[in-house]
PDB file of N, CA and C in Angstrom:
ATOM      1  N   MET A   1     103.816  74.253  99.904  1.00  0.00           N
ATOM      2  CA  MET A   1     104.383  75.179  98.957  1.00  0.00           C
ATOM      3  C   MET A   1     103.536  75.861  98.079  1.00  0.00           C
ATOM      4  N   GLY A   2     103.006  76.687  97.727  1.00  0.00           N
ATOM      5  CA  GLY A   2     102.098  77.202  96.587  1.00  0.00           C
ATOM      6  C   GLY A   2     102.925  78.269  95.591  1.00  0.00           C
ATOM      7  N   LEU A   3     101.962  78.347  94.551  1.00  0.00           N
ATOM      8  CA  LEU A   3     102.424  79.178  93.728  1.00  0.00           C
ATOM      9  C   LEU A   3     103.319  80.815  94.532  1.00  0.00           C
ATOM     10  N   TRP A   4     102.188  81.119  95.053  1.00  0.00           N
ATOM     11  CA  TRP A   4     102.486  82.873  95.792  1.00  0.00           C
ATOM     12  C   TRP A   4     103.324  82.387  96.948  1.00  0.00           C
ATOM     13  N   THR A   5     103.405  81.554  97.745  1.00  0.00           N
ATOM     14  CA  THR A   5     105.098  81.289  98.357  1.00  0.00           C
ATOM     15  C   THR A   5     106.250  81.412  97.610  1.00  0.00           C
ATOM     16  N   LEU A   6     106.249  80.741  96.903  1.00  0.00           N
ATOM     17  CA  LEU A   6     107.371  80.908  95.394  1.00  0.00           C
ATOM     18  C   LEU A   6     107.535  82.107  95.035  1.00  0.00           C
ATOM     19  N   LEU A   7     106.723  82.658  94.667  1.00  0.00           N
ATOM     20  CA  LEU A   7     106.420  83.691  94.012  1.00  0.00           C
ATOM     21  C   LEU A   7     106.935  85.293  95.324  1.00  0.00           C
ATOM     22  N   GLU A   8     106.617  85.149  95.961  1.00  0.00           N
ATOM     23  CA  GLU A   8     107.174  85.729  97.367  1.00  0.00           C
ATOM     24  C   GLU A   8     108.332  85.364  97.551  1.00  0.00           C
ATOM     25  N   GLY A   9     108.924  84.228  97.401  1.00  0.00           N
ATOM     26  CA  GLY A   9     110.121  83.950  97.744  1.00  0.00           C
ATOM     27  C   GLY A   9     111.109  84.365  96.485  1.00  0.00           C
ATOM     28  N   PHE A  10     110.968  84.472  95.461  1.00  0.00           N
ATOM     29  CA  PHE A  10     111.668  85.184  94.288  1.00  0.00           C
ATOM     30  C   PHE A  10     111.869  87.045  94.317  1.00  0.00           C
ATOM     31  N   LEU A  11     110.538  87.293  95.034  1.00  0.00           N
ATOM     32  CA  LEU A  11     110.672  88.720  95.370  1.00  0.00           C
ATOM     33  C   LEU A  11     111.405  89.174  96.077  1.00  0.00           C
ATOM     34  N   LEU A  12     111.506  88.324  97.227  1.00  0.00           N
ATOM     35  CA  LEU A  12     112.720  88.545  98.376  1.00  0.00           C
ATOM     36  C   LEU A  12     113.967  88.519  98.085  1.00  0.00           C
ATOM     37  N   LEU A  13     114.419  87.504  97.128  1.00  0.00           N
ATOM     38  CA  LEU A  13     115.706  87.525  96.581  1.00  0.00           C
ATOM     39  C   LEU A  13     115.790  88.346  95.819  1.00  0.00           C
ATOM     40  N   ALA A  14     114.970  89.020  94.986  1.00  0.00           N
ATOM     41  CA  ALA A  14     115.320  90.069  94.022  1.00  0.00           C
ATOM     42  C   ALA A  14     116.013  91.817  95.108  1.00  0.00           C
ATOM     43  N   ASN A  15     115.045  91.491  95.986  1.00  0.00           N
ATOM     44  CA  ASN A  15     114.931  92.458  96.858  1.00  0.00           C
ATOM     45  C   ASN A  15     116.252  92.660  97.745  1.00  0.00           C
ATOM     46  N   ALA A  16     117.214  91.335  97.779  1.00  0.00           N
ATOM     47  CA  ALA A  16     117.939  90.705  98.595  1.00  0.00           C
ATOM     48  C   ALA A  16     119.436  91.622  97.313  1.00  0.00           C
ATOM     49  N   LEU A  17     119.258  90.910  96.130  1.00  0.00           N
ATOM     50  CA  LEU A  17     120.014  91.411  95.263  1.00  0.00           C
ATOM     51  C   LEU A  17     120.029  92.786  94.904  1.00  0.00           C
ATOM     52  N   ALA A  18     119.321  93.696  95.069  1.00  0.00           N
ATOM     53  CA  ALA A  18     118.937  94.602  94.606  1.00  0.00           C
ATOM     54  C   ALA A  18     119.580  96.005  95.384  1.00  0.00           C
ATOM     55  N   ILE A  19     119.486  95.532  96.604  1.00  0.00           N
ATOM     56  CA  ILE A  19     120.331  96.649  97.870  1.00  0.00           C
ATOM     57  C   ILE A  19     122.168  96.429  98.187  1.00  0.00           C
ATOM     58  N   LEU A  20     122.336  95.405  97.615  1.00  0.00           N
ATOM     59  CA  LEU A  20     124.099  95.529  97.346  1.00  0.00           C
ATOM     60  C   LEU A  20     124.477  96.063  97.127  1.00  0.00           C
ATOM     61  N   ASN A  21     125.534  96.916  97.663  1.00  0.00           N
ATOM     62  CA  ASN A  21     126.376  97.744  97.245  1.00  0.00           C
ATOM     63  C   ASN A  21     127.670  97.500  96.361  1.00  0.00           C
ATOM     64  N   GLU A  22     127.884  98.042  95.485  1.00  0.00           N
ATOM     65  CA  GLU A  22     129.019  97.289  94.823  1.00  0.00           C
ATOM     66  C   GLU A  22     130.326  97.988  95.936  1.00  0.00           C
ATOM     67  N   ASP A  23     130.731  99.379  96.115  1.00  0.00           N
ATOM     68  CA  ASP A  23     131.684  99.731  96.808  1.00  0.00           C
ATOM     69  C   ASP A  23     131.947  98.582  98.168  1.00  0.00           C
ATOM     70  N   ARG A  24     130.868  98.755  99.064  1.00  0.00           N
ATOM     71  CA  ARG A  24     130.811  98.458 100.175  1.00  0.00           C
ATOM     72  C   ARG A  24     131.264  97.016  99.902  1.00  0.00           C
ATOM     73  N   PHE A  25     130.361  96.295  99.489  1.00  0.00           N
ATOM     74  CA  PHE A  25     130.323  94.325  99.225  1.00  0.00           C
ATOM     75  C   PHE A  25     131.141  94.409  97.772  1.00  0.00           C
ATOM     76  N   LEU A  26     130.494  94.107  97.210  1.00  0.00           N
ATOM     77  CA  LEU A  26     130.547  93.454  95.707  1.00  0.00           C
ATOM     78  C   LEU A  26     132.089  93.840  95.401  1.00  0.00           C
ATOM     79  N   ALA A  27     132.682  95.135  95.310  1.00  0.00           N
ATOM     80  CA  ALA A  27     134.126  94.957  95.011  1.00  0.00           C
ATOM     81  C   ALA A  27     135.505  94.932  95.219  1.00  0.00           C
ATOM     82  N   PRO A  28     135.206  94.837  96.946  1.00  0.00           N
ATOM     83  CA  PRO A  28     136.347  93.871  97.841  1.00  0.00           C
ATOM     84  C   PRO A  28     136.021  92.753  98.031  1.00  0.00           C
ATOM     85  N   ARG A  29     135.441  91.561  97.621  1.00  0.00           N
ATOM     86  CA  ARG A  29     135.150  90.439  96.797  1.00  0.00           C
ATOM     87  C   ARG A  29     135.420  89.934  95.363  1.00  0.00           C
ATOM     88  N   GLY A  30     135.658  90.898  94.832  1.00  0.00           N
ATOM     89  CA  GLY A  30     136.109  90.520  93.225  1.00  0.00           C
ATOM     90  C   GLY A  30     134.708  90.790  92.311  1.00  0.00           C
ATOM     91  N   TRP A  31     133.591  90.876  93.219  1.00  0.00           N
ATOM     92  CA  TRP A  31     132.416  90.926  92.274  1.00  0.00           C
ATOM     93  C   TRP A  31     131.694  91.990  91.852  1.00  0.00           C
ATOM     94  N   GLY A  32     132.552  92.991  91.355  1.00  0.00           N
ATOM     95  CA  GLY A  32     132.853  94.263  91.125  1.00  0.00           C
ATOM     96  C   GLY A  32     131.962  93.860  89.197  1.00  0.00           C
ATOM     97  N   PHE A  33     131.143  95.469  88.983  1.00  0.00           N
ATOM     98  CA  PHE A  33     130.985  94.786  87.190  1.00  0.00           C
ATOM     99  C   PHE A  33     132.131  94.952  86.287  1.00  0.00           C
ATOM    100  N   SER A  34     133.159  96.066  86.688  1.00  0.00           N
ATOM    101  CA  SER A  34     134.306  96.372  86.136  1.00  0.00           C
ATOM    102  C   SER A  34     135.148  95.160  86.099  1.00  0.00           C
ATOM    103  N   ASP A  35     135.162  94.383  86.782  1.00  0.00           N
ATOM    104  CA  ASP A  35     136.089  93.365  86.965  1.00  0.00           C
ATOM    105  C   ASP A  35     135.761  92.429  85.555  1.00  0.00           C
ATOM    106  N   PHE A  36     134.519  92.601  85.378  1.00  0.00           N
ATOM    107  CA  PHE A  36     133.854  91.490  84.652  1.00  0.00           C
ATOM    108  C   PHE A  36     133.288  92.172  83.209  1.00  0.00           C
ATOM    109  N   SER A  37     134.566  92.916  82.715  1.00  0.00           N
ATOM    110  CA  SER A  37     133.739  93.324  81.156  1.00  0.00           C
ATOM    111  C   SER A  37     134.688  92.411  80.147  1.00  0.00           C
ATOM    112  N   GLY A  38     133.803  92.670  79.137  1.00  0.00           N
ATOM    113  CA  GLY A  38     135.172  92.035  78.201  1.00  0.00           C
ATOM    114  C   GLY A  38     133.828  90.729  78.158  1.00  0.00           C
ATOM    115  N   GLY A  39     134.909  89.739  77.619  1.00  0.00           N
ATOM    116  CA  GLY A  39     134.203  87.866  76.887  1.00  0.00           C
ATOM    117  C   GLY A  39     133.893  86.885  78.258  1.00  0.00           C
ATOM    118  N   ARG A  40     134.570  87.760  79.180  1.00  0.00           N
ATOM    119  CA  ARG A  40     134.133  86.965  80.618  1.00  0.00           C
ATOM    120  C   ARG A  40     132.715  86.906  81.595  1.00  0.00           C
ATOM    121  N   THR A  41     131.869  87.516  80.539  1.00  0.00           N
ATOM    122  CA  THR A  41     130.601  87.413  81.104  1.00  0.00           C
ATOM    123  C   THR A  41     129.863  86.162  81.216  1.00  0.00           C
ATOM    124  N   LYS A  42     130.118  85.037  80.257  1.00  0.00           N
ATOM    125  CA  LYS A  42     129.506  84.010  79.637  1.00  0.00           C
ATOM    126  C   LYS A  42     129.807  83.035  80.903  1.00  0.00           C
ATOM    127  N   SER A  43     130.599  83.259  82.044  1.00  0.00           N
ATOM    128  CA  SER A  43     130.747  82.233  83.347  1.00  0.00           C
ATOM    129  C   SER A  43     129.761  82.465  84.332  1.00  0.00           C
ATOM    130  N   PHE A  44     129.674  81.716  84.757  1.00  0.00           N
ATOM    131  CA  PHE A  44     128.266  81.786  86.008  1.00  0.00           C
ATOM    132  C   PHE A  44     128.529  82.870  86.834  1.00  0.00           C
ATOM    133  N   LYS A  45     129.845  82.733  87.176  1.00  0.00           N
ATOM    134  CA  LYS A  45     129.742  83.932  87.800  1.00  0.00           C
ATOM    135  C   LYS A  45     129.422  85.660  87.387  1.00  0.00           C
ATOM    136  N   GLY A  46     129.968  85.160  85.814  1.00  0.00           N
ATOM    137  CA  GLY A  46     129.475  86.895  85.290  1.00  0.00           C
ATOM    138  C   GLY A  46     128.214  86.789  85.206  1.00  0.00           C
ATOM    139  N   GLN A  47     127.550  85.796  84.818  1.00  0.00           N
ATOM    140  CA  GLN A  47     126.339  85.960  84.549  1.00  0.00           C
ATOM    141  C   GLN A  47     125.469  86.066  86.186  1.00  0.00           C
ATOM    142  N   LEU A  48     125.848  85.773  87.106  1.00  0.00           N
ATOM    143  CA  LEU A  48     125.388  86.305  88.174  1.00  0.00           C
ATOM    144  C   LEU A  48     125.520  87.332  88.348  1.00  0.00           C
ATOM    145  N   ILE A  49     126.555  88.072  88.508  1.00  0.00           N
ATOM    146  CA  ILE A  49     127.557  89.559  88.268  1.00  0.00           C
ATOM    147  C   ILE A  49     125.895  90.496  87.724  1.00  0.00           C
ATOM    148  N   GLY A  50     125.667  90.064  86.454  1.00  0.00           N
ATOM    149  CA  GLY A  50     124.955  90.503  85.485  1.00  0.00           C
ATOM    150  C   GLY A  50     123.602  90.644  85.901  1.00  0.00           C
ATOM    151  N   LEU A  51     123.220  89.544  86.653  1.00  0.00           N
ATOM    152  CA  LEU A  51     121.916  89.504  87.310  1.00  0.00           C
ATOM    153  C   LEU A  51     121.349  90.381  88.378  1.00  0.00           C
ATOM    154  N   ILE A  52     122.749  90.387  89.616  1.00  0.00           N
ATOM    155  CA  ILE A  52     123.241  92.012  90.216  1.00  0.00           C
ATOM    156  C   ILE A  52     122.519  92.973  89.977  1.00  0.00           C
ATOM    157  N   TYR A  53     123.240  93.366  88.738  1.00  0.00           N
ATOM    158  CA  TYR A  53     123.318  94.782  88.575  1.00  0.00           C
ATOM    159  C   TYR A  53     121.733  95.132  87.348  1.00  0.00           C
ATOM    160  N   ALA A  54     121.453  93.487  87.287  1.00  0.00           N
ATOM    161  CA  ALA A  54     119.933  93.848  86.553  1.00  0.00           C
ATOM    162  C   ALA A  54     119.334  94.108  87.188  1.00  0.00           C
ATOM    163  N   THR A  55     118.961  93.549  88.776  1.00  0.00           N
ATOM    164  CA  THR A  55     118.288  93.818  89.498  1.00  0.00           C
ATOM    165  C   THR A  55     117.931  95.281  90.804  1.00  0.00           C
ATOM    166  N   GLN A  56     119.452  95.507  90.169  1.00  0.00           N
ATOM    167  CA  GLN A  56     119.655  97.084  90.863  1.00  0.00           C
ATOM    168  C   GLN A  56     119.153  97.989  89.857  1.00  0.00           C
ATOM    169  N   TYR A  57     119.197  97.962  88.490  1.00  0.00           N
ATOM    170  CA  TYR A  57     118.563  98.819  87.726  1.00  0.00           C
ATOM    171  C   TYR A  57     117.091  98.484  87.607  1.00  0.00           C
ATOM    172  N   LEU A  58     116.548  97.670  88.379  1.00  0.00           N
ATOM    173  CA  LEU A  58     114.981  97.470  88.289  1.00  0.00           C
ATOM    174  C   LEU A  58     114.428  97.839  89.442  1.00  0.00           C
ATOM    175  N   ARG A  59     115.233  98.927  90.420  1.00  0.00           N
ATOM    176  CA  ARG A  59     114.554  98.980  91.929  1.00  0.00           C
ATOM    177  C   ARG A  59     112.783  99.239  91.410  1.00  0.00           C
ATOM    178  N   VAL A  60     112.165 100.065  90.809  1.00  0.00           N
ATOM    179  CA  VAL A  60     110.903 100.847  90.956  1.00  0.00           C
ATOM    180  C   VAL A  60     110.425  99.914  90.397  1.00  0.00           C
ATOM    181  N   PRO A  61     110.398  99.168  89.773  1.00  0.00           N
ATOM    182  CA  PRO A  61     109.555  97.919  89.082  1.00  0.00           C
ATOM    183  C   PRO A  61     109.270  96.717  90.787  1.00  0.00           C
ATOM    184  N   LEU A  62     110.569  96.871  91.465  1.00  0.00           N
ATOM    185  CA  LEU A  62     110.641  95.871  92.606  1.00  0.00           C
ATOM    186  C   LEU A  62     109.825  96.529  93.735  1.00  0.00           C
ATOM    187  N   ILE A  63     109.728  98.054  94.086  1.00  0.00           N
ATOM    188  CA  ILE A  63     108.983  98.692  94.544  1.00  0.00           C
ATOM    189  C   ILE A  63     107.589  98.911  94.517  1.00  0.00           C
ATOM    190  N   LEU A  64     106.976  98.965  93.501  1.00  0.00           N
ATOM    191  CA  LEU A  64     105.922  98.404  92.968  1.00  0.00           C
ATOM    192  C   LEU A  64     105.386  97.012  93.378  1.00  0.00           C
ATOM    193  N   LEU A  65     106.213  95.579  92.950  1.00  0.00           N
ATOM    194  CA  LEU A  65     105.964  94.428  93.227  1.00  0.00           C
ATOM    195  C   LEU A  65     106.128  94.780  94.753  1.00  0.00           C
ATOM    196  N   ASN A  66     106.811  95.282  95.823  1.00  0.00           N
ATOM    197  CA  ASN A  66     106.466  94.566  96.554  1.00  0.00           C
ATOM    198  C   ASN A  66     105.148  95.483  97.643  1.00  0.00           C
ATOM    199  N   SER A  67     104.701  96.894  96.823  1.00  0.00           N
ATOM    200  CA  SER A  67     103.822  97.526  97.444  1.00  0.00           C
ATOM    201  C   SER A  67     102.526  96.658  97.376  1.00  0.00           C
ATOM    202  N   ILE A  68     102.086  95.869  95.834  1.00  0.00           N
ATOM    203  CA  ILE A  68     101.236  95.365  95.614  1.00  0.00           C
ATOM    204  C   ILE A  68     101.182  93.956  96.604  1.00  0.00           C
ATOM    205  N   CYS A  69     102.435  93.443  96.509  1.00  0.00           N
ATOM    206  CA  CYS A  69     102.250  92.134  97.547  1.00  0.00           C
ATOM    207  C   CYS A  69     102.051  92.533  99.330  1.00  0.00           C
ATOM    208  N   ILE A  70     102.405  94.004  99.208  1.00  0.00           N
ATOM    209  CA  ILE A  70     101.845  94.256 100.843  1.00  0.00           C
ATOM    210  C   ILE A  70     100.359  94.423 100.706  1.00  0.00           C
ATOM    211  N   ILE A  71      99.558  95.081 100.083  1.00  0.00           N
ATOM    212  CA  ILE A  71      98.281  95.122  99.866  1.00  0.00           C
ATOM    213  C   ILE A  71      97.638  93.910  99.723  1.00  0.00           C
ATOM    214  N   LEU A  72      98.081  92.581  99.057  1.00  0.00           N
ATOM    215  CA  LEU A  72      97.241  91.434  98.616  1.00  0.00           C
ATOM    216  C   LEU A  72      97.898  90.914 100.014  1.00  0.00           C
ATOM    217  N   LYS A  73      98.353  91.271 100.982  1.00  0.00           N
ATOM    218  CA  LYS A  73      98.793  90.635 102.082  1.00  0.00           C
ATOM    219  C   LYS A  73      97.724  91.028 103.093  1.00  0.00           C
ATOM    220  N   PHE A  74      97.617  92.350 102.853  1.00  0.00           N
ATOM    221  CA  PHE A  74      96.695  93.313 103.788  1.00  0.00           C
ATOM    222  C   PHE A  74      95.047  92.560 104.018  1.00  0.00           C
ATOM    223  N   VAL A  75      94.769  92.634 102.797  1.00  0.00           N
ATOM    224  CA  VAL A  75      93.251  92.097 102.349  1.00  0.00           C
ATOM    225  C   VAL A  75      92.914  90.720 102.308  1.00  0.00           C
ATOM    226  N   SER A  76      94.408  90.049 102.185  1.00  0.00           N
ATOM    227  CA  SER A  76      94.142  88.602 102.443  1.00  0.00           C
ATOM    228  C   SER A  76      94.227  88.011 103.692  1.00  0.00           C
ATOM    229  N   ALA A  77      94.470  89.138 104.736  1.00  0.00           N
ATOM    230  CA  ALA A  77      94.658  88.231 106.196  1.00  0.00           C
ATOM    231  C   ALA A  77      93.232  88.995 106.624  1.00  0.00           C
TER     232      ALA A  77
END
């Protein structure tokens, strides 16, 4: 496994986190952002929810990174 494969894996994970919908998926399972306001964000679950919301706010850079990855795959193949 090379560095490029590892970076692609992280990009796929970021894409998976970015498409999670709060109303349909996160809130019914108790993972809504409103459930973890205040001082409870220090726990692992609170930090994971923060990571999910951070990736949702960074959708435009994810689109750019996906485009670069696709172009590099076309060029290298």
